[in-house]
Amino acid sequence: MTEAALERPASVVVDVSDLVPGGLRAFEAGGRKLLVCRVGEEFFALENRCPHVAIRLEQGRLQGCVLECPLHGGKLDVRDGSPQGHPIRKPATTFAVRPVEGGLEIALGD
């Protein structure tokens, strides 16, 4: 195991209590840039990086479960990171989440 992996926490808890349905919130934790998306009463987390051009997705538009990249309009499903519209062809990295007292726990994995 690398030294960086030993320093990275297995999970992080973030406050999303004021995130409204359809909202996006960017976080940095454990050396990762994360984006939490709220779809109805569910939360999803993915890397805050477009798999097409590596720009941040936090300024994108979320409609249902589909997030549109603010640069080229490519689309991806926030539930599993799968591409939903060109030019995005590779899936985004997603992270497991679960509600916990005080917020939302995001499993950072490795």
PDB file of N, CA and C in Angstrom:
ATOM      1  N   MET A   1       0.850  -1.181   0.000  1.00  0.00           N
ATOM      2  CA  MET A   1       0.000   0.000   0.000  1.00  0.00           C
ATOM      3  C   MET A   1       0.890   1.237   0.000  1.00  0.00           C
ATOM      4  N   THR A   2       0.520   2.219  -0.799  1.00  0.00           N
ATOM      5  CA  THR A   2       1.334   3.423  -0.891  1.00  0.00           C
ATOM      6  C   THR A   2       1.120   4.321   0.312  1.00  0.00           C
ATOM      7  N   GLU A   3       2.064   5.228   0.514  1.00  0.00           N
ATOM      8  CA  GLU A   3       1.951   6.178   1.620  1.00  0.00           C
ATOM      9  C   GLU A   3       0.721   7.073   1.446  1.00  0.00           C
ATOM     10  N   ALA A   4       0.446   7.477   0.206  1.00  0.00           N
ATOM     11  CA  ALA A   4      -0.730   8.323  -0.064  1.00  0.00           C
ATOM     12  C   ALA A   4      -2.017   7.583   0.289  1.00  0.00           C
ATOM     13  N   ALA A   5      -2.068   6.276  -0.015  1.00  0.00           N
ATOM     14  CA  ALA A   5      -3.252   5.494   0.305  1.00  0.00           C
ATOM     15  C   ALA A   5      -3.444   5.371   1.809  1.00  0.00           C
ATOM     16  N   LEU A   6      -2.349   5.294   2.556  1.00  0.00           N
ATOM     17  CA  LEU A   6      -2.451   5.197   4.005  1.00  0.00           C
ATOM     18  C   LEU A   6      -2.967   6.502   4.606  1.00  0.00           C
ATOM     19  N   GLU A   7      -2.652   7.638   3.984  1.00  0.00           N
ATOM     20  CA  GLU A   7      -3.084   8.930   4.496  1.00  0.00           C
ATOM     21  C   GLU A   7      -4.519   9.267   4.108  1.00  0.00           C
ATOM     22  N   ARG A   8      -5.064   8.636   3.068  1.00  0.00           N
ATOM     23  CA  ARG A   8      -6.401   8.944   2.580  1.00  0.00           C
ATOM     24  C   ARG A   8      -7.437   8.247   3.470  1.00  0.00           C
ATOM     25  N   PRO A   9      -8.412   8.997   3.973  1.00  0.00           N
ATOM     26  CA  PRO A   9      -9.447   8.369   4.784  1.00  0.00           C
ATOM     27  C   PRO A   9     -10.325   7.456   3.925  1.00  0.00           C
ATOM     28  N   ALA A  10     -10.893   6.431   4.555  1.00  0.00           N
ATOM     29  CA  ALA A  10     -11.763   5.501   3.837  1.00  0.00           C
ATOM     30  C   ALA A  10     -13.086   6.143   3.469  1.00  0.00           C
ATOM     31  N   SER A  11     -13.499   7.112   4.272  1.00  0.00           N
ATOM     32  CA  SER A  11     -14.754   7.810   3.989  1.00  0.00           C
ATOM     33  C   SER A  11     -14.709   9.195   4.621  1.00  0.00           C
ATOM     34  N   VAL A  12     -15.673  10.012   4.227  1.00  0.00           N
ATOM     35  CA  VAL A  12     -15.781  11.352   4.758  1.00  0.00           C
ATOM     36  C   VAL A  12     -17.265  11.652   4.941  1.00  0.00           C
ATOM     37  N   VAL A  13     -17.582  12.443   5.962  1.00  0.00           N
ATOM     38  CA  VAL A  13     -18.964  12.872   6.186  1.00  0.00           C
ATOM     39  C   VAL A  13     -19.058  14.347   5.838  1.00  0.00           C
ATOM     40  N   VAL A  14     -20.021  14.675   4.973  1.00  0.00           N
ATOM     41  CA  VAL A  14     -20.218  16.058   4.546  1.00  0.00           C
ATOM     42  C   VAL A  14     -21.631  16.508   4.907  1.00  0.00           C
ATOM     43  N   ASP A  15     -21.782  17.800   5.126  1.00  0.00           N
ATOM     44  CA  ASP A  15     -23.085  18.378   5.471  1.00  0.00           C
ATOM     45  C   ASP A  15     -23.818  18.740   4.184  1.00  0.00           C
ATOM     46  N   VAL A  16     -24.969  18.124   3.981  1.00  0.00           N
ATOM     47  CA  VAL A  16     -25.795  18.414   2.807  1.00  0.00           C
ATOM     48  C   VAL A  16     -27.202  18.812   3.230  1.00  0.00           C
ATOM     49  N   SER A  17     -27.336  19.248   4.482  1.00  0.00           N
ATOM     50  CA  SER A  17     -28.659  19.525   5.043  1.00  0.00           C
ATOM     51  C   SER A  17     -29.409  20.623   4.289  1.00  0.00           C
ATOM     52  N   ASP A  18     -28.689  21.533   3.651  1.00  0.00           N
ATOM     53  CA  ASP A  18     -29.366  22.613   2.939  1.00  0.00           C
ATOM     54  C   ASP A  18     -29.333  22.442   1.419  1.00  0.00           C
ATOM     55  N   LEU A  19     -28.914  21.268   0.946  1.00  0.00           N
ATOM     56  CA  LEU A  19     -28.873  21.016  -0.494  1.00  0.00           C
ATOM     57  C   LEU A  19     -30.271  20.644  -0.978  1.00  0.00           C
ATOM     58  N   VAL A  20     -30.821  21.449  -1.864  1.00  0.00           N
ATOM     59  CA  VAL A  20     -32.191  21.251  -2.349  1.00  0.00           C
ATOM     60  C   VAL A  20     -32.209  20.221  -3.482  1.00  0.00           C
ATOM     61  N   PRO A  21     -33.368  19.589  -3.726  1.00  0.00           N
ATOM     62  CA  PRO A  21     -33.483  18.666  -4.862  1.00  0.00           C
ATOM     63  C   PRO A  21     -33.063  19.365  -6.159  1.00  0.00           C
ATOM     64  N   GLY A  22     -32.250  18.692  -6.947  1.00  0.00           N
ATOM     65  CA  GLY A  22     -31.702  19.273  -8.169  1.00  0.00           C
ATOM     66  C   GLY A  22     -30.426  20.052  -7.938  1.00  0.00           C
ATOM     67  N   GLY A  23     -29.994  20.103  -6.663  1.00  0.00           N
ATOM     68  CA  GLY A  23     -28.804  20.879  -6.309  1.00  0.00           C
ATOM     69  C   GLY A  23     -27.516  20.094  -6.430  1.00  0.00           C
ATOM     70  N   LEU A  24     -26.424  20.844  -6.568  1.00  0.00           N
ATOM     71  CA  LEU A  24     -25.082  20.294  -6.660  1.00  0.00           C
ATOM     72  C   LEU A  24     -24.212  20.979  -5.616  1.00  0.00           C
ATOM     73  N   ARG A  25     -23.281  20.243  -5.034  1.00  0.00           N
ATOM     74  CA  ARG A  25     -22.363  20.831  -4.060  1.00  0.00           C
ATOM     75  C   ARG A  25     -20.997  20.200  -4.238  1.00  0.00           C
ATOM     76  N   ALA A  26     -19.983  21.032  -4.427  1.00  0.00           N
ATOM     77  CA  ALA A  26     -18.610  20.564  -4.579  1.00  0.00           C
ATOM     78  C   ALA A  26     -17.927  20.507  -3.215  1.00  0.00           C
ATOM     79  N   PHE A  27     -17.118  19.468  -3.015  1.00  0.00           N
ATOM     80  CA  PHE A  27     -16.340  19.270  -1.790  1.00  0.00           C
ATOM     81  C   PHE A  27     -14.951  18.793  -2.191  1.00  0.00           C
ATOM     82  N   GLU A  28     -13.998  19.032  -1.327  1.00  0.00           N
ATOM     83  CA  GLU A  28     -12.689  18.409  -1.474  1.00  0.00           C
ATOM     84  C   GLU A  28     -12.421  17.650  -0.197  1.00  0.00           C
ATOM     85  N   ALA A  29     -12.116  16.370  -0.328  1.00  0.00           N
ATOM     86  CA  ALA A  29     -11.892  15.530   0.852  1.00  0.00           C
ATOM     87  C   ALA A  29     -10.983  14.365   0.486  1.00  0.00           C
ATOM     88  N   GLY A  30     -10.088  14.051   1.370  1.00  0.00           N
ATOM     89  CA  GLY A  30      -9.199  12.907   1.147  1.00  0.00           C
ATOM     90  C   GLY A  30      -8.401  13.028  -0.132  1.00  0.00           C
ATOM     91  N   GLY A  31      -8.072  14.254  -0.525  1.00  0.00           N
ATOM     92  CA  GLY A  31      -7.305  14.453  -1.737  1.00  0.00           C
ATOM     93  C   GLY A  31      -8.118  14.315  -3.012  1.00  0.00           C
ATOM     94  N   ARG A  32      -9.433  14.241  -2.885  1.00  0.00           N
ATOM     95  CA  ARG A  32     -10.300  14.094  -4.056  1.00  0.00           C
ATOM     96  C   ARG A  32     -11.247  15.275  -4.165  1.00  0.00           C
ATOM     97  N   LYS A  33     -11.569  15.624  -5.400  1.00  0.00           N
ATOM     98  CA  LYS A  33     -12.574  16.648  -5.667  1.00  0.00           C
ATOM     99  C   LYS A  33     -13.881  15.921  -5.954  1.00  0.00           C
ATOM    100  N   LEU A  34     -14.871  16.176  -5.101  1.00  0.00           N
ATOM    101  CA  LEU A  34     -16.138  15.460  -5.164  1.00  0.00           C
ATOM    102  C   LEU A  34     -17.282  16.393  -5.512  1.00  0.00           C
ATOM    103  N   LEU A  35     -18.324  15.828  -6.102  1.00  0.00           N
ATOM    104  CA  LEU A  35     -19.538  16.564  -6.379  1.00  0.00           C
ATOM    105  C   LEU A  35     -20.702  15.736  -5.863  1.00  0.00           C
ATOM    106  N   VAL A  36     -21.490  16.320  -4.955  1.00  0.00           N
ATOM    107  CA  VAL A  36     -22.682  15.658  -4.449  1.00  0.00           C
ATOM    108  C   VAL A  36     -23.879  16.227  -5.198  1.00  0.00           C
ATOM    109  N   CYS A  37     -24.737  15.342  -5.671  1.00  0.00           N
ATOM    110  CA  CYS A  37     -25.923  15.710  -6.429  1.00  0.00           C
ATOM    111  C   CYS A  37     -27.145  15.189  -5.680  1.00  0.00           C
ATOM    112  N   ARG A  38     -28.162  16.038  -5.568  1.00  0.00           N
ATOM    113  CA  ARG A  38     -29.390  15.602  -4.922  1.00  0.00           C
ATOM    114  C   ARG A  38     -30.469  15.429  -5.989  1.00  0.00           C
ATOM    115  N   VAL A  39     -30.988  14.210  -6.062  1.00  0.00           N
ATOM    116  CA  VAL A  39     -32.064  13.868  -6.992  1.00  0.00           C
ATOM    117  C   VAL A  39     -33.254  13.451  -6.133  1.00  0.00           C
ATOM    118  N   GLY A  40     -34.252  14.308  -6.046  1.00  0.00           N
ATOM    119  CA  GLY A  40     -35.372  14.036  -5.146  1.00  0.00           C
ATOM    120  C   GLY A  40     -34.864  13.978  -3.722  1.00  0.00           C
ATOM    121  N   GLU A  41     -35.095  12.855  -3.067  1.00  0.00           N
ATOM    122  CA  GLU A  41     -34.613  12.661  -1.700  1.00  0.00           C
ATOM    123  C   GLU A  41     -33.328  11.841  -1.645  1.00  0.00           C
ATOM    124  N   GLU A  42     -32.772  11.503  -2.791  1.00  0.00           N
ATOM    125  CA  GLU A  42     -31.556  10.694  -2.852  1.00  0.00           C
ATOM    126  C   GLU A  42     -30.339  11.557  -3.152  1.00  0.00           C
ATOM    127  N   PHE A  43     -29.182  11.105  -2.673  1.00  0.00           N
ATOM    128  CA  PHE A  43     -27.918  11.785  -2.898  1.00  0.00           C
ATOM    129  C   PHE A  43     -26.974  10.856  -3.636  1.00  0.00           C
ATOM    130  N   PHE A  44     -26.169  11.442  -4.521  1.00  0.00           N
ATOM    131  CA  PHE A  44     -25.179  10.694  -5.276  1.00  0.00           C
ATOM    132  C   PHE A  44     -23.888  11.503  -5.268  1.00  0.00           C
ATOM    133  N   ALA A  45     -22.758  10.795  -5.313  1.00  0.00           N
ATOM    134  CA  ALA A  45     -21.464  11.478  -5.309  1.00  0.00           C
ATOM    135  C   ALA A  45     -20.620  10.963  -6.468  1.00  0.00           C
ATOM    136  N   LEU A  46     -19.952  11.882  -7.116  1.00  0.00           N
ATOM    137  CA  LEU A  46     -19.056  11.529  -8.197  1.00  0.00           C
ATOM    138  C   LEU A  46     -17.862  12.465  -8.181  1.00  0.00           C
ATOM    139  N   GLU A  47     -16.855  12.089  -8.947  1.00  0.00           N
ATOM    140  CA  GLU A  47     -15.688  12.940  -9.065  1.00  0.00           C
ATOM    141  C   GLU A  47     -16.112  14.226  -9.765  1.00  0.00           C
ATOM    142  N   ASN A  48     -15.681  15.359  -9.238  1.00  0.00           N
ATOM    143  CA  ASN A  48     -16.042  16.660  -9.804  1.00  0.00           C
ATOM    144  C   ASN A  48     -15.131  16.953 -10.991  1.00  0.00           C
ATOM    145  N   ARG A  49     -15.267  16.119 -12.020  1.00  0.00           N
ATOM    146  CA  ARG A  49     -14.402  16.197 -13.191  1.00  0.00           C
ATOM    147  C   ARG A  49     -15.107  15.528 -14.359  1.00  0.00           C
ATOM    148  N   CYS A  50     -15.258  16.269 -15.442  1.00  0.00           N
ATOM    149  CA  CYS A  50     -15.858  15.696 -16.644  1.00  0.00           C
ATOM    150  C   CYS A  50     -14.905  14.653 -17.224  1.00  0.00           C
ATOM    151  N   PRO A  51     -15.394  13.446 -17.521  1.00  0.00           N
ATOM    152  CA  PRO A  51     -14.501  12.429 -18.086  1.00  0.00           C
ATOM    153  C   PRO A  51     -14.064  12.748 -19.515  1.00  0.00           C
ATOM    154  N   HIS A  52     -14.672  13.744 -20.133  1.00  0.00           N
ATOM    155  CA  HIS A  52     -14.316  14.114 -21.504  1.00  0.00           C
ATOM    156  C   HIS A  52     -13.174  15.130 -21.550  1.00  0.00           C
ATOM    157  N   VAL A  53     -13.288  16.235 -20.787  1.00  0.00           N
ATOM    158  CA  VAL A  53     -12.272  17.281 -20.856  1.00  0.00           C
ATOM    159  C   VAL A  53     -11.679  17.670 -19.515  1.00  0.00           C
ATOM    160  N   ALA A  54     -11.988  16.946 -18.472  1.00  0.00           N
ATOM    161  CA  ALA A  54     -11.393  17.146 -17.149  1.00  0.00           C
ATOM    162  C   ALA A  54     -11.662  18.531 -16.553  1.00  0.00           C
ATOM    163  N   ILE A  55     -12.816  19.132 -16.848  1.00  0.00           N
ATOM    164  CA  ILE A  55     -13.185  20.375 -16.170  1.00  0.00           C
ATOM    165  C   ILE A  55     -14.159  20.043 -15.049  1.00  0.00           C
ATOM    166  N   ARG A  56     -14.317  20.971 -14.124  1.00  0.00           N
ATOM    167  CA  ARG A  56     -15.219  20.743 -12.997  1.00  0.00           C
ATOM    168  C   ARG A  56     -16.672  20.752 -13.471  1.00  0.00           C
ATOM    169  N   LEU A  57     -17.451  19.886 -12.864  1.00  0.00           N
ATOM    170  CA  LEU A  57     -18.860  19.728 -13.240  1.00  0.00           C
ATOM    171  C   LEU A  57     -19.816  20.529 -12.369  1.00  0.00           C
ATOM    172  N   GLU A  58     -19.318  21.186 -11.338  1.00  0.00           N
ATOM    173  CA  GLU A  58     -20.202  21.842 -10.372  1.00  0.00           C
ATOM    174  C   GLU A  58     -21.062  22.945 -10.978  1.00  0.00           C
ATOM    175  N   GLN A  59     -20.688  23.488 -12.124  1.00  0.00           N
ATOM    176  CA  GLN A  59     -21.501  24.504 -12.783  1.00  0.00           C
ATOM    177  C   GLN A  59     -22.460  23.896 -13.810  1.00  0.00           C
ATOM    178  N   GLY A  60     -22.492  22.574 -13.862  1.00  0.00           N
ATOM    179  CA  GLY A  60     -23.385  21.887 -14.794  1.00  0.00           C
ATOM    180  C   GLY A  60     -24.831  21.980 -14.359  1.00  0.00           C
ATOM    181  N   ARG A  61     -25.707  21.435 -15.193  1.00  0.00           N
ATOM    182  CA  ARG A  61     -27.139  21.464 -14.909  1.00  0.00           C
ATOM    183  C   ARG A  61     -27.633  20.040 -14.691  1.00  0.00           C
ATOM    184  N   LEU A  62     -28.325  19.843 -13.568  1.00  0.00           N
ATOM    185  CA  LEU A  62     -28.858  18.535 -13.211  1.00  0.00           C
ATOM    186  C   LEU A  62     -30.347  18.505 -13.521  1.00  0.00           C
ATOM    187  N   GLN A  63     -30.747  17.573 -14.382  1.00  0.00           N
ATOM    188  CA  GLN A  63     -32.160  17.374 -14.699  1.00  0.00           C
ATOM    189  C   GLN A  63     -32.468  15.910 -14.436  1.00  0.00           C
ATOM    190  N   GLY A  64     -33.261  15.670 -13.400  1.00  0.00           N
ATOM    191  CA  GLY A  64     -33.482  14.286 -12.984  1.00  0.00           C
ATOM    192  C   GLY A  64     -32.151  13.713 -12.539  1.00  0.00           C
ATOM    193  N   CYS A  65     -31.789  12.567 -13.095  1.00  0.00           N
ATOM    194  CA  CYS A  65     -30.525  11.911 -12.752  1.00  0.00           C
ATOM    195  C   CYS A  65     -29.408  12.229 -13.744  1.00  0.00           C
ATOM    196  N   VAL A  66     -29.670  13.117 -14.686  1.00  0.00           N
ATOM    197  CA  VAL A  66     -28.691  13.408 -15.734  1.00  0.00           C
ATOM    198  C   VAL A  66     -28.052  14.775 -15.507  1.00  0.00           C
ATOM    199  N   LEU A  67     -26.727  14.768 -15.455  1.00  0.00           N
ATOM    200  CA  LEU A  67     -25.942  15.980 -15.271  1.00  0.00           C
ATOM    201  C   LEU A  67     -25.328  16.370 -16.608  1.00  0.00           C
ATOM    202  N   GLU A  68     -25.525  17.627 -16.984  1.00  0.00           N
ATOM    203  CA  GLU A  68     -24.972  18.138 -18.231  1.00  0.00           C
ATOM    204  C   GLU A  68     -23.697  18.919 -17.946  1.00  0.00           C
ATOM    205  N   CYS A  69     -22.627  18.575 -18.660  1.00  0.00           N
ATOM    206  CA  CYS A  69     -21.347  19.270 -18.519  1.00  0.00           C
ATOM    207  C   CYS A  69     -21.506  20.722 -18.961  1.00  0.00           C
ATOM    208  N   PRO A  70     -20.970  21.665 -18.183  1.00  0.00           N
ATOM    209  CA  PRO A  70     -21.137  23.072 -18.537  1.00  0.00           C
ATOM    210  C   PRO A  70     -20.322  23.516 -19.754  1.00  0.00           C
ATOM    211  N   LEU A  71     -19.363  22.728 -20.196  1.00  0.00           N
ATOM    212  CA  LEU A  71     -18.510  23.153 -21.301  1.00  0.00           C
ATOM    213  C   LEU A  71     -19.045  22.693 -22.661  1.00  0.00           C
ATOM    214  N   HIS A  72     -19.197  21.389 -22.831  1.00  0.00           N
ATOM    215  CA  HIS A  72     -19.603  20.861 -24.138  1.00  0.00           C
ATOM    216  C   HIS A  72     -21.014  20.282 -24.164  1.00  0.00           C
ATOM    217  N   GLY A  73     -21.704  20.283 -23.036  1.00  0.00           N
ATOM    218  CA  GLY A  73     -23.066  19.766 -23.023  1.00  0.00           C
ATOM    219  C   GLY A  73     -23.177  18.256 -22.990  1.00  0.00           C
ATOM    220  N   GLY A  74     -22.064  17.546 -22.800  1.00  0.00           N
ATOM    221  CA  GLY A  74     -22.133  16.098 -22.650  1.00  0.00           C
ATOM    222  C   GLY A  74     -22.923  15.759 -21.399  1.00  0.00           C
ATOM    223  N   LYS A  75     -23.513  14.576 -21.369  1.00  0.00           N
ATOM    224  CA  LYS A  75     -24.378  14.212 -20.245  1.00  0.00           C
ATOM    225  C   LYS A  75     -23.947  12.889 -19.640  1.00  0.00           C
ATOM    226  N   LEU A  76     -24.150  12.797 -18.312  1.00  0.00           N
ATOM    227  CA  LEU A  76     -23.872  11.546 -17.619  1.00  0.00           C
ATOM    228  C   LEU A  76     -24.897  11.323 -16.522  1.00  0.00           C
ATOM    229  N   ASP A  77     -25.106  10.062 -16.198  1.00  0.00           N
ATOM    230  CA  ASP A  77     -26.049   9.665 -15.157  1.00  0.00           C
ATOM    231  C   ASP A  77     -25.316   9.705 -13.821  1.00  0.00           C
ATOM    232  N   VAL A  78     -25.793  10.520 -12.885  1.00  0.00           N
ATOM    233  CA  VAL A  78     -25.094  10.675 -11.604  1.00  0.00           C
ATOM    234  C   VAL A  78     -25.209   9.429 -10.732  1.00  0.00           C
ATOM    235  N   ARG A  79     -26.160   8.543 -11.031  1.00  0.00           N
ATOM    236  CA  ARG A  79     -26.319   7.331 -10.223  1.00  0.00           C
ATOM    237  C   ARG A  79     -25.171   6.359 -10.417  1.00  0.00           C
ATOM    238  N   ASP A  80     -24.673   6.241 -11.645  1.00  0.00           N
ATOM    239  CA  ASP A  80     -23.602   5.282 -11.911  1.00  0.00           C
ATOM    240  C   ASP A  80     -22.462   5.855 -12.760  1.00  0.00           C
ATOM    241  N   GLY A  81     -22.555   7.126 -13.124  1.00  0.00           N
ATOM    242  CA  GLY A  81     -21.510   7.775 -13.900  1.00  0.00           C
ATOM    243  C   GLY A  81     -21.528   7.474 -15.383  1.00  0.00           C
ATOM    244  N   SER A  82     -22.511   6.698 -15.847  1.00  0.00           N
ATOM    245  CA  SER A  82     -22.531   6.281 -17.254  1.00  0.00           C
ATOM    246  C   SER A  82     -22.798   7.448 -18.201  1.00  0.00           C
ATOM    247  N   PRO A  83     -22.113   7.454 -19.352  1.00  0.00           N
ATOM    248  CA  PRO A  83     -22.335   8.504 -20.342  1.00  0.00           C
ATOM    249  C   PRO A  83     -23.766   8.438 -20.877  1.00  0.00           C
ATOM    250  N   GLN A  84     -24.376   9.603 -21.056  1.00  0.00           N
ATOM    251  CA  GLN A  84     -25.736   9.681 -21.564  1.00  0.00           C
ATOM    252  C   GLN A  84     -25.841  10.562 -22.798  1.00  0.00           C
ATOM    253  N   GLY A  85     -24.760  11.181 -23.203  1.00  0.00           N
ATOM    254  CA  GLY A  85     -24.763  12.033 -24.380  1.00  0.00           C
ATOM    255  C   GLY A  85     -23.362  12.457 -24.763  1.00  0.00           C
ATOM    256  N   HIS A  86     -23.120  12.512 -26.061  1.00  0.00           N
ATOM    257  CA  HIS A  86     -21.807  12.908 -26.581  1.00  0.00           C
ATOM    258  C   HIS A  86     -21.523  14.356 -26.233  1.00  0.00           C
ATOM    259  N   PRO A  87     -20.284  14.707 -26.029  1.00  0.00           N
ATOM    260  CA  PRO A  87     -19.084  13.951 -26.368  1.00  0.00           C
ATOM    261  C   PRO A  87     -18.549  13.052 -25.253  1.00  0.00           C
ATOM    262  N   ILE A  88     -19.260  12.918 -24.135  1.00  0.00           N
ATOM    263  CA  ILE A  88     -18.776  12.043 -23.054  1.00  0.00           C
ATOM    264  C   ILE A  88     -18.923  10.592 -23.485  1.00  0.00           C
ATOM    265  N   ARG A  89     -17.811   9.860 -23.435  1.00  0.00           N
ATOM    266  CA  ARG A  89     -17.821   8.442 -23.818  1.00  0.00           C
ATOM    267  C   ARG A  89     -17.369   7.521 -22.696  1.00  0.00           C
ATOM    268  N   LYS A  90     -16.620   8.088 -21.732  1.00  0.00           N
ATOM    269  CA  LYS A  90     -16.134   7.295 -20.600  1.00  0.00           C
ATOM    270  C   LYS A  90     -16.997   7.608 -19.387  1.00  0.00           C
ATOM    271  N   PRO A  91     -17.206   6.635 -18.505  1.00  0.00           N
ATOM    272  CA  PRO A  91     -17.993   6.910 -17.297  1.00  0.00           C
ATOM    273  C   PRO A  91     -17.226   7.777 -16.305  1.00  0.00           C
ATOM    274  N   ALA A  92     -17.967   8.532 -15.533  1.00  0.00           N
ATOM    275  CA  ALA A  92     -17.388   9.304 -14.434  1.00  0.00           C
ATOM    276  C   ALA A  92     -17.180   8.373 -13.241  1.00  0.00           C
ATOM    277  N   THR A  93     -16.221   8.700 -12.397  1.00  0.00           N
ATOM    278  CA  THR A  93     -15.989   7.942 -11.175  1.00  0.00           C
ATOM    279  C   THR A  93     -17.059   8.322 -10.160  1.00  0.00           C
ATOM    280  N   THR A  94     -17.716   7.314  -9.607  1.00  0.00           N
ATOM    281  CA  THR A  94     -18.751   7.551  -8.605  1.00  0.00           C
ATOM    282  C   THR A  94     -18.324   6.954  -7.267  1.00  0.00           C
ATOM    283  N   PHE A  95     -18.976   7.398  -6.200  1.00  0.00           N
ATOM    284  CA  PHE A  95     -18.652   6.958  -4.854  1.00  0.00           C
ATOM    285  C   PHE A  95     -19.942   6.571  -4.139  1.00  0.00           C
ATOM    286  N   ALA A  96     -19.877   5.503  -3.371  1.00  0.00           N
ATOM    287  CA  ALA A  96     -21.037   5.074  -2.584  1.00  0.00           C
ATOM    288  C   ALA A  96     -21.317   6.093  -1.485  1.00  0.00           C
ATOM    289  N   VAL A  97     -22.590   6.324  -1.213  1.00  0.00           N
ATOM    290  CA  VAL A  97     -22.993   7.257  -0.158  1.00  0.00           C
ATOM    291  C   VAL A  97     -24.028   6.600   0.735  1.00  0.00           C
ATOM    292  N   ARG A  98     -24.123   7.127   1.949  1.00  0.00           N
ATOM    293  CA  ARG A  98     -25.200   6.704   2.848  1.00  0.00           C
ATOM    294  C   ARG A  98     -25.436   7.820   3.851  1.00  0.00           C
ATOM    295  N   PRO A  99     -26.707   8.035   4.174  1.00  0.00           N
ATOM    296  CA  PRO A  99     -27.007   9.065   5.170  1.00  0.00           C
ATOM    297  C   PRO A  99     -26.544   8.606   6.543  1.00  0.00           C
ATOM    298  N   VAL A 100     -25.973   9.522   7.289  1.00  0.00           N
ATOM    299  CA  VAL A 100     -25.562   9.274   8.668  1.00  0.00           C
ATOM    300  C   VAL A 100     -25.958  10.499   9.476  1.00  0.00           C
ATOM    301  N   GLU A 101     -25.997  10.340  10.784  1.00  0.00           N
ATOM    302  CA  GLU A 101     -26.302  11.482  11.638  1.00  0.00           C
ATOM    303  C   GLU A 101     -25.265  12.566  11.387  1.00  0.00           C
ATOM    304  N   GLY A 102     -25.719  13.734  11.061  1.00  0.00           N
ATOM    305  CA  GLY A 102     -24.818  14.845  10.807  1.00  0.00           C
ATOM    306  C   GLY A 102     -24.457  15.037   9.356  1.00  0.00           C
ATOM    307  N   GLY A 103     -24.987  14.212   8.458  1.00  0.00           N
ATOM    308  CA  GLY A 103     -24.680  14.440   7.053  1.00  0.00           C
ATOM    309  C   GLY A 103     -24.763  13.225   6.171  1.00  0.00           C
ATOM    310  N   LEU A 104     -23.891  13.218   5.204  1.00  0.00           N
ATOM    311  CA  LEU A 104     -23.832  12.170   4.199  1.00  0.00           C
ATOM    312  C   LEU A 104     -22.431  11.588   4.199  1.00  0.00           C
ATOM    313  N   GLU A 105     -22.327  10.289   4.385  1.00  0.00           N
ATOM    314  CA  GLU A 105     -21.015   9.630   4.351  1.00  0.00           C
ATOM    315  C   GLU A 105     -20.707   9.208   2.923  1.00  0.00           C
ATOM    316  N   ILE A 106     -19.534   9.583   2.464  1.00  0.00           N
ATOM    317  CA  ILE A 106     -19.070   9.230   1.126  1.00  0.00           C
ATOM    318  C   ILE A 106     -17.884   8.285   1.273  1.00  0.00           C
ATOM    319  N   ALA A 107     -18.012   7.084   0.713  1.00  0.00           N
ATOM    320  CA  ALA A 107     -16.921   6.102   0.739  1.00  0.00           C
ATOM    321  C   ALA A 107     -15.930   6.470  -0.342  1.00  0.00           C
ATOM    322  N   LEU A 108     -14.721   6.796   0.050  1.00  0.00           N
ATOM    323  CA  LEU A 108     -13.712   7.243  -0.902  1.00  0.00           C
ATOM    324  C   LEU A 108     -13.024   6.089  -1.617  1.00  0.00           C
ATOM    325  N   GLY A 109     -13.025   4.919  -0.990  1.00  0.00           N
ATOM    326  CA  GLY A 109     -12.419   3.754  -1.629  1.00  0.00           C
ATOM    327  C   GLY A 109     -11.000   4.009  -2.053  1.00  0.00           C
ATOM    328  N   ASP A 110     -10.545   3.206  -3.022  1.00  0.00           N
ATOM    329  CA  ASP A 110      -9.197   3.398  -3.557  1.00  0.00           C
ATOM    330  C   ASP A 110      -9.065   2.859  -4.926  1.00  0.00           C
TER     331      ASP A 110
END
